Amino acid sequence: MLHFSKITAKSKDFHLIASGALAFKIHNKILKDEDFMKGAKVSRNLLQSNAVIKSDKSEAKVFFVIISDLDKMNASNLCSMIAKERAKGSYAVCQVIPMYYNEPSFKALKMLRQNFDEVIELNKLTLGGGKALMSTEQQHCIITDYSISMARIMRNVCVGVHAPAPAKEKEEKKGQVVYA
């Protein structure tokens, strides 16, 4: 199942897609974050992993995809949809939280790297002296915080860079020169 959300702010869309149990939990926490709720309209959809997301406009979009349980996912349909969107000038980042290391997950990861602008793989986390965190709860908390921060950055860039330029100050002050 793909959890697909479109967050619209300042007439620009930020697309958030999640696949897998942990990714769905992170997806929900991102949507509950107050930074995403301020002045934004959120539409949510639940799609089969082999469903195709229909594009409503031909303009460039920003996608943030979070995937856990990579070996269980049918990545080819998601990758083909992202490839079509990237051909239109869209930007897509994929964050992978690998649960298992096996051949199907390696093949899916290779396919993701070929179809996304950036693929960030989060595996066992270390702090300070290089010791891996033992508790999966600690790892999931850090991964969730990282994911929320990454989504905030991408959304702010999406709204800031792709939003219409603010109206220029009135040029009524002719003759005045202001140096910064």
N, C-alpha and C. Protein backbone atom coordinates (compact mmCIF):
# COMPACT_ATOMS: atom_id res chain seq x y z
N MET A 1 0.83 -1.18 0.00
CA MET A 1 0.00 0.00 0.00
C MET A 1 0.88 1.25 0.00
N LEU A 2 0.48 2.20 -0.81
CA LEU A 2 1.14 3.50 -0.83
C LEU A 2 0.24 4.52 -0.16
N HIS A 3 0.78 5.23 0.80
CA HIS A 3 0.05 6.32 1.47
C HIS A 3 0.53 7.60 0.80
N PHE A 4 -0.36 8.23 0.08
CA PHE A 4 -0.02 9.37 -0.75
C PHE A 4 -0.73 10.61 -0.21
N SER A 5 0.03 11.64 0.13
CA SER A 5 -0.55 12.89 0.63
C SER A 5 -0.03 14.05 -0.20
N LYS A 6 -0.94 14.98 -0.47
CA LYS A 6 -0.57 16.21 -1.16
C LYS A 6 -0.82 17.36 -0.21
N ILE A 7 0.23 18.10 0.11
CA ILE A 7 0.14 19.24 1.02
C ILE A 7 0.26 20.49 0.16
N THR A 8 -0.80 21.28 0.13
CA THR A 8 -0.83 22.48 -0.70
C THR A 8 -0.72 23.71 0.18
N ALA A 9 0.27 24.53 -0.10
CA ALA A 9 0.46 25.80 0.61
C ALA A 9 0.97 26.82 -0.39
N LYS A 10 0.45 28.02 -0.32
CA LYS A 10 0.83 29.11 -1.23
C LYS A 10 0.69 28.66 -2.69
N SER A 11 -0.36 27.92 -2.96
CA SER A 11 -0.70 27.39 -4.28
C SER A 11 0.38 26.49 -4.88
N LYS A 12 1.22 25.91 -4.03
CA LYS A 12 2.23 24.95 -4.48
C LYS A 12 2.02 23.63 -3.76
N ASP A 13 2.26 22.53 -4.46
CA ASP A 13 2.03 21.20 -3.92
C ASP A 13 3.34 20.53 -3.51
N PHE A 14 3.30 19.91 -2.34
CA PHE A 14 4.39 19.07 -1.83
C PHE A 14 3.80 17.69 -1.66
N HIS A 15 4.38 16.68 -2.30
CA HIS A 15 3.83 15.33 -2.29
C HIS A 15 4.64 14.45 -1.35
N LEU A 16 3.94 13.77 -0.46
CA LEU A 16 4.55 12.89 0.53
C LEU A 16 3.99 11.50 0.30
N ILE A 17 4.87 10.52 0.07
CA ILE A 17 4.45 9.15 -0.20
C ILE A 17 5.16 8.24 0.79
N ALA A 18 4.41 7.28 1.35
CA ALA A 18 4.99 6.33 2.30
C ALA A 18 4.60 4.91 1.90
N SER A 19 5.54 3.99 2.08
CA SER A 19 5.28 2.58 1.83
C SER A 19 5.95 1.77 2.93
N GLY A 20 5.17 0.98 3.63
CA GLY A 20 5.69 0.15 4.73
C GLY A 20 5.17 0.65 6.06
N ALA A 21 5.21 -0.23 7.06
CA ALA A 21 4.63 0.08 8.37
C ALA A 21 5.33 1.25 9.07
N LEU A 22 6.65 1.21 9.15
CA LEU A 22 7.38 2.30 9.81
C LEU A 22 7.24 3.59 9.01
N ALA A 23 7.28 3.49 7.70
CA ALA A 23 7.12 4.67 6.85
C ALA A 23 5.75 5.30 7.06
N PHE A 24 4.72 4.48 7.23
CA PHE A 24 3.38 5.00 7.47
C PHE A 24 3.31 5.76 8.80
N LYS A 25 3.96 5.23 9.84
CA LYS A 25 3.99 5.92 11.13
C LYS A 25 4.68 7.27 11.00
N ILE A 26 5.80 7.30 10.27
CA ILE A 26 6.53 8.56 10.06
C ILE A 26 5.67 9.52 9.25
N HIS A 27 5.01 9.01 8.22
CA HIS A 27 4.11 9.80 7.37
C HIS A 27 3.05 10.49 8.22
N ASN A 28 2.44 9.74 9.13
CA ASN A 28 1.41 10.33 10.01
C ASN A 28 1.98 11.38 10.94
N LYS A 29 3.19 11.14 11.48
CA LYS A 29 3.80 12.14 12.36
C LYS A 29 4.15 13.41 11.59
N ILE A 30 4.59 13.26 10.36
CA ILE A 30 4.89 14.44 9.55
C ILE A 30 3.62 15.25 9.33
N LEU A 31 2.52 14.58 9.00
CA LEU A 31 1.27 15.29 8.74
C LEU A 31 0.68 15.92 10.00
N LYS A 32 1.00 15.39 11.18
CA LYS A 32 0.51 15.98 12.43
C LYS A 32 1.40 17.12 12.91
N ASP A 33 2.57 17.28 12.31
CA ASP A 33 3.48 18.35 12.70
C ASP A 33 2.86 19.70 12.37
N GLU A 34 2.94 20.63 13.30
CA GLU A 34 2.27 21.92 13.12
C GLU A 34 2.83 22.73 11.96
N ASP A 35 4.09 22.53 11.59
CA ASP A 35 4.65 23.25 10.44
C ASP A 35 3.95 22.90 9.14
N PHE A 36 3.43 21.68 9.05
CA PHE A 36 2.74 21.27 7.84
C PHE A 36 1.28 21.67 7.85
N MET A 37 0.74 21.98 9.02
CA MET A 37 -0.68 22.31 9.13
C MET A 37 -0.95 23.80 8.95
N LYS A 38 0.06 24.64 9.17
CA LYS A 38 -0.12 26.09 9.05
C LYS A 38 -0.42 26.49 7.62
N GLY A 39 -1.60 27.01 7.40
CA GLY A 39 -1.97 27.54 6.09
C GLY A 39 -1.90 26.55 4.95
N ALA A 40 -2.07 25.27 5.26
CA ALA A 40 -1.96 24.25 4.23
C ALA A 40 -3.22 23.41 4.15
N LYS A 41 -3.46 22.91 2.97
CA LYS A 41 -4.57 21.99 2.75
C LYS A 41 -3.95 20.62 2.46
N VAL A 42 -4.40 19.59 3.17
CA VAL A 42 -3.84 18.26 3.01
C VAL A 42 -4.89 17.33 2.43
N SER A 43 -4.53 16.64 1.36
CA SER A 43 -5.40 15.60 0.82
C SER A 43 -4.65 14.29 0.89
N ARG A 44 -5.33 13.24 1.37
CA ARG A 44 -4.69 11.95 1.56
C ARG A 44 -5.38 10.89 0.71
N ASN A 45 -4.57 9.97 0.19
CA ASN A 45 -5.08 8.86 -0.59
C ASN A 45 -4.33 7.59 -0.19
N LEU A 46 -5.00 6.48 -0.33
CA LEU A 46 -4.40 5.18 -0.08
C LEU A 46 -4.48 4.40 -1.38
N LEU A 47 -3.33 4.00 -1.91
CA LEU A 47 -3.29 3.33 -3.21
C LEU A 47 -2.65 1.96 -3.09
N GLN A 48 -3.08 1.05 -3.92
CA GLN A 48 -2.38 -0.23 -4.01
C GLN A 48 -0.98 0.04 -4.53
N SER A 49 -0.01 -0.79 -4.16
CA SER A 49 1.37 -0.54 -4.57
C SER A 49 1.55 -0.63 -6.09
N ASN A 50 0.62 -1.29 -6.78
CA ASN A 50 0.74 -1.36 -8.23
C ASN A 50 -0.14 -0.34 -8.94
N ALA A 51 -0.82 0.52 -8.17
CA ALA A 51 -1.66 1.56 -8.77
C ALA A 51 -0.77 2.68 -9.31
N VAL A 52 -1.31 3.38 -10.28
CA VAL A 52 -0.58 4.50 -10.87
C VAL A 52 -1.19 5.79 -10.33
N ILE A 53 -0.35 6.69 -9.88
CA ILE A 53 -0.81 7.98 -9.38
C ILE A 53 -1.04 8.87 -10.59
N LYS A 54 -2.25 9.33 -10.74
CA LYS A 54 -2.59 10.14 -11.90
C LYS A 54 -2.13 11.58 -11.66
N SER A 55 -1.47 12.10 -12.65
CA SER A 55 -0.97 13.47 -12.57
C SER A 55 -2.06 14.42 -13.05
N ASP A 56 -2.33 15.45 -12.23
CA ASP A 56 -3.37 16.40 -12.59
C ASP A 56 -2.85 17.57 -13.40
N LYS A 57 -1.60 17.92 -13.27
CA LYS A 57 -1.01 19.05 -13.98
C LYS A 57 0.31 18.61 -14.59
N SER A 58 0.76 19.36 -15.57
CA SER A 58 2.02 19.01 -16.21
C SER A 58 3.19 19.84 -15.67
N GLU A 59 3.00 20.49 -14.52
CA GLU A 59 4.08 21.32 -13.98
C GLU A 59 4.98 20.51 -13.06
N ALA A 60 6.14 21.05 -12.76
CA ALA A 60 7.11 20.39 -11.90
C ALA A 60 6.59 20.31 -10.47
N LYS A 61 6.87 19.19 -9.81
CA LYS A 61 6.42 18.96 -8.45
C LYS A 61 7.60 18.54 -7.59
N VAL A 62 7.37 18.50 -6.28
CA VAL A 62 8.38 18.02 -5.35
C VAL A 62 7.80 16.81 -4.63
N PHE A 63 8.57 15.69 -4.62
CA PHE A 63 8.13 14.45 -3.99
C PHE A 63 9.13 14.05 -2.90
N PHE A 64 8.59 13.63 -1.75
CA PHE A 64 9.40 13.04 -0.69
C PHE A 64 8.79 11.68 -0.40
N VAL A 65 9.54 10.62 -0.69
CA VAL A 65 9.05 9.25 -0.55
C VAL A 65 9.82 8.58 0.58
N ILE A 66 9.09 7.97 1.51
CA ILE A 66 9.69 7.22 2.62
C ILE A 66 9.29 5.77 2.45
N ILE A 67 10.28 4.88 2.42
CA ILE A 67 10.02 3.47 2.21
C ILE A 67 10.68 2.65 3.32
N SER A 68 9.88 1.82 3.97
CA SER A 68 10.41 0.78 4.86
C SER A 68 9.89 -0.54 4.31
N ASP A 69 10.37 -1.64 4.80
CA ASP A 69 9.96 -2.97 4.29
C ASP A 69 10.19 -3.03 2.79
N LEU A 70 11.38 -2.68 2.36
CA LEU A 70 11.71 -2.54 0.95
C LEU A 70 11.53 -3.83 0.16
N ASP A 71 11.83 -4.97 0.76
CA ASP A 71 11.74 -6.22 0.00
C ASP A 71 10.31 -6.63 -0.29
N LYS A 72 9.33 -6.10 0.45
CA LYS A 72 7.94 -6.46 0.23
C LYS A 72 7.26 -5.55 -0.78
N MET A 73 7.94 -4.48 -1.16
CA MET A 73 7.31 -3.46 -2.00
C MET A 73 7.55 -3.72 -3.48
N ASN A 74 6.54 -3.45 -4.28
CA ASN A 74 6.70 -3.50 -5.72
C ASN A 74 7.14 -2.09 -6.15
N ALA A 75 8.44 -1.90 -6.27
CA ALA A 75 8.99 -0.57 -6.52
C ALA A 75 8.89 -0.13 -7.97
N SER A 76 8.64 -1.04 -8.87
CA SER A 76 8.69 -0.68 -10.29
C SER A 76 7.61 0.34 -10.68
N ASN A 77 6.39 0.19 -10.18
CA ASN A 77 5.33 1.15 -10.54
C ASN A 77 5.61 2.53 -9.96
N LEU A 78 6.06 2.57 -8.71
CA LEU A 78 6.42 3.85 -8.10
C LEU A 78 7.55 4.50 -8.89
N CYS A 79 8.56 3.71 -9.25
CA CYS A 79 9.70 4.25 -9.99
C CYS A 79 9.29 4.76 -11.36
N SER A 80 8.39 4.05 -12.04
CA SER A 80 7.96 4.53 -13.36
C SER A 80 7.17 5.83 -13.24
N MET A 81 6.35 5.96 -12.19
CA MET A 81 5.61 7.20 -11.97
C MET A 81 6.57 8.35 -11.68
N ILE A 82 7.57 8.11 -10.84
CA ILE A 82 8.55 9.14 -10.50
C ILE A 82 9.37 9.51 -11.75
N ALA A 83 9.72 8.52 -12.56
CA ALA A 83 10.49 8.81 -13.79
C ALA A 83 9.70 9.73 -14.72
N LYS A 84 8.39 9.48 -14.85
CA LYS A 84 7.54 10.34 -15.68
C LYS A 84 7.47 11.75 -15.11
N GLU A 85 7.34 11.86 -13.79
CA GLU A 85 7.28 13.17 -13.15
C GLU A 85 8.61 13.91 -13.29
N ARG A 86 9.72 13.19 -13.16
CA ARG A 86 11.04 13.83 -13.31
C ARG A 86 11.25 14.33 -14.73
N ALA A 87 10.66 13.64 -15.71
CA ALA A 87 10.76 14.09 -17.10
C ALA A 87 10.07 15.44 -17.28
N LYS A 88 9.10 15.75 -16.41
CA LYS A 88 8.40 17.03 -16.46
C LYS A 88 9.14 18.11 -15.66
N GLY A 89 10.26 17.75 -15.05
CA GLY A 89 11.02 18.72 -14.27
C GLY A 89 10.80 18.60 -12.78
N SER A 90 10.13 17.58 -12.33
CA SER A 90 9.88 17.40 -10.90
C SER A 90 11.16 16.95 -10.18
N TYR A 91 11.15 17.11 -8.87
CA TYR A 91 12.28 16.72 -8.04
C TYR A 91 11.80 15.69 -7.04
N ALA A 92 12.50 14.56 -6.93
CA ALA A 92 12.04 13.47 -6.07
C ALA A 92 13.19 12.95 -5.21
N VAL A 93 12.94 12.87 -3.91
CA VAL A 93 13.89 12.33 -2.95
C VAL A 93 13.26 11.12 -2.30
N CYS A 94 14.02 10.06 -2.17
CA CYS A 94 13.53 8.83 -1.55
C CYS A 94 14.38 8.54 -0.32
N GLN A 95 13.71 8.28 0.79
CA GLN A 95 14.40 7.88 2.03
C GLN A 95 14.04 6.43 2.29
N VAL A 96 15.04 5.58 2.34
CA VAL A 96 14.82 4.15 2.53
C VAL A 96 15.27 3.75 3.92
N ILE A 97 14.41 3.03 4.62
CA ILE A 97 14.73 2.50 5.94
C ILE A 97 14.74 0.98 5.79
N PRO A 98 15.89 0.40 5.47
CA PRO A 98 15.92 -1.03 5.17
C PRO A 98 15.70 -1.87 6.43
N MET A 99 14.75 -2.78 6.34
CA MET A 99 14.48 -3.70 7.44
C MET A 99 15.27 -4.98 7.27
N TYR A 100 15.48 -5.37 6.02
CA TYR A 100 16.19 -6.61 5.71
C TYR A 100 17.21 -6.31 4.63
N TYR A 101 18.30 -7.06 4.66
CA TYR A 101 19.28 -6.98 3.59
C TYR A 101 19.26 -8.31 2.84
N ASN A 102 18.62 -8.32 1.69
CA ASN A 102 18.57 -9.51 0.87
C ASN A 102 18.54 -9.09 -0.59
N GLU A 103 18.56 -10.06 -1.48
CA GLU A 103 18.65 -9.75 -2.91
C GLU A 103 17.49 -8.91 -3.44
N PRO A 104 16.22 -9.22 -3.09
CA PRO A 104 15.13 -8.36 -3.60
C PRO A 104 15.25 -6.91 -3.13
N SER A 105 15.71 -6.69 -1.89
CA SER A 105 15.84 -5.31 -1.42
C SER A 105 16.99 -4.60 -2.11
N PHE A 106 18.08 -5.32 -2.41
CA PHE A 106 19.19 -4.70 -3.14
C PHE A 106 18.77 -4.32 -4.55
N LYS A 107 17.98 -5.18 -5.21
CA LYS A 107 17.50 -4.88 -6.56
C LYS A 107 16.55 -3.68 -6.53
N ALA A 108 15.67 -3.64 -5.53
CA ALA A 108 14.74 -2.51 -5.42
C ALA A 108 15.50 -1.22 -5.15
N LEU A 109 16.53 -1.28 -4.30
CA LEU A 109 17.33 -0.10 -4.00
C LEU A 109 18.06 0.41 -5.25
N LYS A 110 18.56 -0.51 -6.06
CA LYS A 110 19.22 -0.12 -7.31
C LYS A 110 18.22 0.58 -8.24
N MET A 111 17.01 0.05 -8.32
CA MET A 111 15.98 0.65 -9.16
C MET A 111 15.62 2.04 -8.65
N LEU A 112 15.53 2.20 -7.34
CA LEU A 112 15.22 3.52 -6.76
C LEU A 112 16.31 4.53 -7.10
N ARG A 113 17.57 4.10 -7.00
CA ARG A 113 18.69 5.01 -7.29
C ARG A 113 18.66 5.47 -8.74
N GLN A 114 18.15 4.64 -9.64
CA GLN A 114 18.10 4.99 -11.05
C GLN A 114 16.96 5.95 -11.37
N ASN A 115 15.93 6.01 -10.52
CA ASN A 115 14.73 6.78 -10.85
C ASN A 115 14.49 8.00 -9.98
N PHE A 116 15.20 8.15 -8.89
CA PHE A 116 15.03 9.30 -8.00
C PHE A 116 16.24 10.22 -8.11
N ASP A 117 16.03 11.50 -7.81
CA ASP A 117 17.15 12.45 -7.79
C ASP A 117 18.12 12.11 -6.67
N GLU A 118 17.58 11.79 -5.51
CA GLU A 118 18.39 11.44 -4.34
C GLU A 118 17.75 10.24 -3.66
N VAL A 119 18.58 9.29 -3.23
CA VAL A 119 18.12 8.18 -2.41
C VAL A 119 18.96 8.17 -1.15
N ILE A 120 18.31 8.36 -0.02
CA ILE A 120 18.99 8.41 1.27
C ILE A 120 18.67 7.11 1.99
N GLU A 121 19.69 6.34 2.30
CA GLU A 121 19.49 5.07 2.97
C GLU A 121 19.84 5.22 4.45
N LEU A 122 18.85 4.99 5.29
CA LEU A 122 19.07 5.06 6.73
C LEU A 122 19.16 3.63 7.27
N ASN A 123 20.34 3.26 7.70
CA ASN A 123 20.47 1.95 8.32
C ASN A 123 20.88 2.12 9.77
N LYS A 124 21.53 1.16 10.36
CA LYS A 124 21.84 1.24 11.79
C LYS A 124 22.56 2.55 12.10
N LEU A 125 22.01 3.26 13.03
CA LEU A 125 22.55 4.57 13.38
C LEU A 125 23.62 4.46 14.46
N THR A 126 24.57 5.36 14.40
CA THR A 126 25.61 5.42 15.43
C THR A 126 25.65 6.82 16.02
N LEU A 127 26.07 6.90 17.24
CA LEU A 127 26.23 8.19 17.90
C LEU A 127 27.61 8.27 18.52
N GLY A 128 28.23 9.42 18.42
CA GLY A 128 29.49 9.67 19.11
C GLY A 128 30.59 8.69 18.78
N GLY A 129 30.86 7.77 19.70
CA GLY A 129 32.00 6.88 19.60
C GLY A 129 31.87 5.77 18.59
N GLY A 130 30.83 5.75 17.79
CA GLY A 130 30.71 4.74 16.76
C GLY A 130 29.94 3.51 17.19
N LYS A 131 29.44 3.48 18.43
CA LYS A 131 28.65 2.33 18.85
C LYS A 131 27.25 2.44 18.28
N ALA A 132 26.77 1.35 17.71
CA ALA A 132 25.42 1.36 17.15
C ALA A 132 24.41 1.40 18.30
N LEU A 133 23.35 2.15 18.08
CA LEU A 133 22.28 2.18 19.07
C LEU A 133 21.64 0.79 19.14
N MET A 134 21.41 0.30 20.33
CA MET A 134 20.92 -1.05 20.49
C MET A 134 19.40 -1.12 20.39
N SER A 135 18.73 -0.18 20.96
CA SER A 135 17.28 -0.24 21.03
C SER A 135 16.67 0.17 19.70
N THR A 136 15.78 -0.66 19.17
CA THR A 136 15.11 -0.29 17.92
C THR A 136 14.21 0.91 18.13
N GLU A 137 13.69 1.07 19.36
CA GLU A 137 12.87 2.25 19.64
C GLU A 137 13.70 3.52 19.52
N GLN A 138 14.94 3.50 20.03
CA GLN A 138 15.81 4.66 19.90
C GLN A 138 16.08 4.95 18.44
N GLN A 139 16.35 3.92 17.66
CA GLN A 139 16.62 4.11 16.25
C GLN A 139 15.41 4.69 15.54
N HIS A 140 14.23 4.17 15.86
CA HIS A 140 13.02 4.66 15.20
C HIS A 140 12.73 6.10 15.58
N CYS A 141 13.01 6.49 16.82
CA CYS A 141 12.82 7.89 17.23
C CYS A 141 13.75 8.82 16.45
N ILE A 142 15.00 8.43 16.33
CA ILE A 142 15.96 9.26 15.61
C ILE A 142 15.62 9.31 14.13
N ILE A 143 15.23 8.17 13.56
CA ILE A 143 14.84 8.13 12.15
C ILE A 143 13.62 9.01 11.91
N THR A 144 12.66 8.95 12.84
CA THR A 144 11.45 9.77 12.70
C THR A 144 11.80 11.26 12.78
N ASP A 145 12.62 11.65 13.75
CA ASP A 145 13.02 13.06 13.85
C ASP A 145 13.76 13.52 12.59
N TYR A 146 14.64 12.68 12.09
CA TYR A 146 15.38 13.01 10.87
C TYR A 146 14.41 13.17 9.70
N SER A 147 13.46 12.26 9.59
CA SER A 147 12.49 12.30 8.49
C SER A 147 11.64 13.55 8.54
N ILE A 148 11.18 13.91 9.73
CA ILE A 148 10.36 15.12 9.88
C ILE A 148 11.17 16.35 9.49
N SER A 149 12.43 16.42 9.94
CA SER A 149 13.29 17.55 9.59
C SER A 149 13.53 17.61 8.08
N MET A 150 13.77 16.46 7.47
CA MET A 150 13.99 16.41 6.02
C MET A 150 12.74 16.87 5.28
N ALA A 151 11.57 16.42 5.72
CA ALA A 151 10.32 16.81 5.07
C ALA A 151 10.09 18.31 5.22
N ARG A 152 10.40 18.87 6.40
CA ARG A 152 10.25 20.33 6.60
C ARG A 152 11.13 21.09 5.63
N ILE A 153 12.38 20.67 5.50
CA ILE A 153 13.32 21.36 4.60
C ILE A 153 12.79 21.30 3.17
N MET A 154 12.40 20.11 2.74
CA MET A 154 11.92 19.97 1.36
C MET A 154 10.66 20.77 1.12
N ARG A 155 9.74 20.78 2.08
CA ARG A 155 8.50 21.55 1.92
C ARG A 155 8.79 23.04 1.86
N ASN A 156 9.68 23.52 2.74
CA ASN A 156 10.01 24.94 2.75
C ASN A 156 10.70 25.36 1.46
N VAL A 157 11.56 24.51 0.93
CA VAL A 157 12.21 24.80 -0.35
C VAL A 157 11.16 24.80 -1.46
N CYS A 158 10.27 23.83 -1.41
CA CYS A 158 9.20 23.73 -2.42
C CYS A 158 8.35 24.98 -2.42
N VAL A 159 7.90 25.39 -1.25
CA VAL A 159 7.02 26.57 -1.14
C VAL A 159 7.81 27.84 -1.42
N GLY A 160 9.06 27.91 -0.94
CA GLY A 160 9.85 29.11 -1.11
C GLY A 160 10.37 29.30 -2.53
N VAL A 161 10.96 28.26 -3.10
CA VAL A 161 11.58 28.37 -4.42
C VAL A 161 10.54 28.35 -5.52
N HIS A 162 9.55 27.48 -5.39
CA HIS A 162 8.58 27.33 -6.46
C HIS A 162 7.38 28.25 -6.33
N ALA A 163 7.30 29.00 -5.23
CA ALA A 163 6.18 29.92 -5.05
C ALA A 163 6.39 31.16 -5.91
N PRO A 164 5.30 31.84 -6.25
CA PRO A 164 5.45 33.07 -7.01
C PRO A 164 6.28 34.09 -6.23
N ALA A 165 7.06 34.86 -6.96
CA ALA A 165 7.91 35.87 -6.32
C ALA A 165 7.03 36.91 -5.62
N PRO A 166 7.42 37.35 -4.41
CA PRO A 166 6.62 38.36 -3.72
C PRO A 166 6.62 39.67 -4.51
N ALA A 167 5.54 40.39 -4.39
CA ALA A 167 5.43 41.66 -5.12
C ALA A 167 6.55 42.59 -4.70
N LYS A 168 7.15 43.22 -5.70
CA LYS A 168 8.25 44.15 -5.40
C LYS A 168 7.68 45.40 -4.74
N GLU A 169 8.54 45.98 -3.91
CA GLU A 169 8.12 47.20 -3.23
C GLU A 169 7.80 48.28 -4.27
N LYS A 170 6.86 49.08 -3.93
CA LYS A 170 6.47 50.15 -4.85
C LYS A 170 7.66 51.07 -5.08
N GLU A 171 7.81 51.45 -6.31
CA GLU A 171 8.94 52.31 -6.67
C GLU A 171 8.54 53.77 -6.63
N GLU A 172 7.79 54.13 -5.58
CA GLU A 172 7.36 55.51 -5.44
C GLU A 172 8.47 56.40 -4.90
N LYS A 173 9.48 55.76 -4.32
CA LYS A 173 10.55 56.52 -3.69
C LYS A 173 11.64 56.82 -4.72
N LYS A 174 11.26 57.41 -5.81
CA LYS A 174 12.23 57.73 -6.85
C LYS A 174 13.22 58.76 -6.34
N GLY A 175 14.43 58.57 -6.71
CA GLY A 175 15.44 59.51 -6.29
C GLY A 175 16.14 59.10 -5.00
N GLN A 176 15.50 58.22 -4.21
CA GLN A 176 16.14 57.74 -2.98
C GLN A 176 16.96 56.50 -3.30
N VAL A 177 18.16 56.48 -2.79
CA VAL A 177 19.01 55.31 -2.98
C VAL A 177 19.27 54.73 -1.61
N VAL A 178 18.98 53.45 -1.48
CA VAL A 178 19.18 52.75 -0.20
C VAL A 178 20.29 51.73 -0.38
N TYR A 179 21.31 51.84 0.47
CA TYR A 179 22.41 50.89 0.43
C TYR A 179 22.27 49.95 1.61
N ALA A 180 22.45 48.67 1.33
CA ALA A 180 22.36 47.68 2.41
C ALA A 180 23.72 47.41 2.98
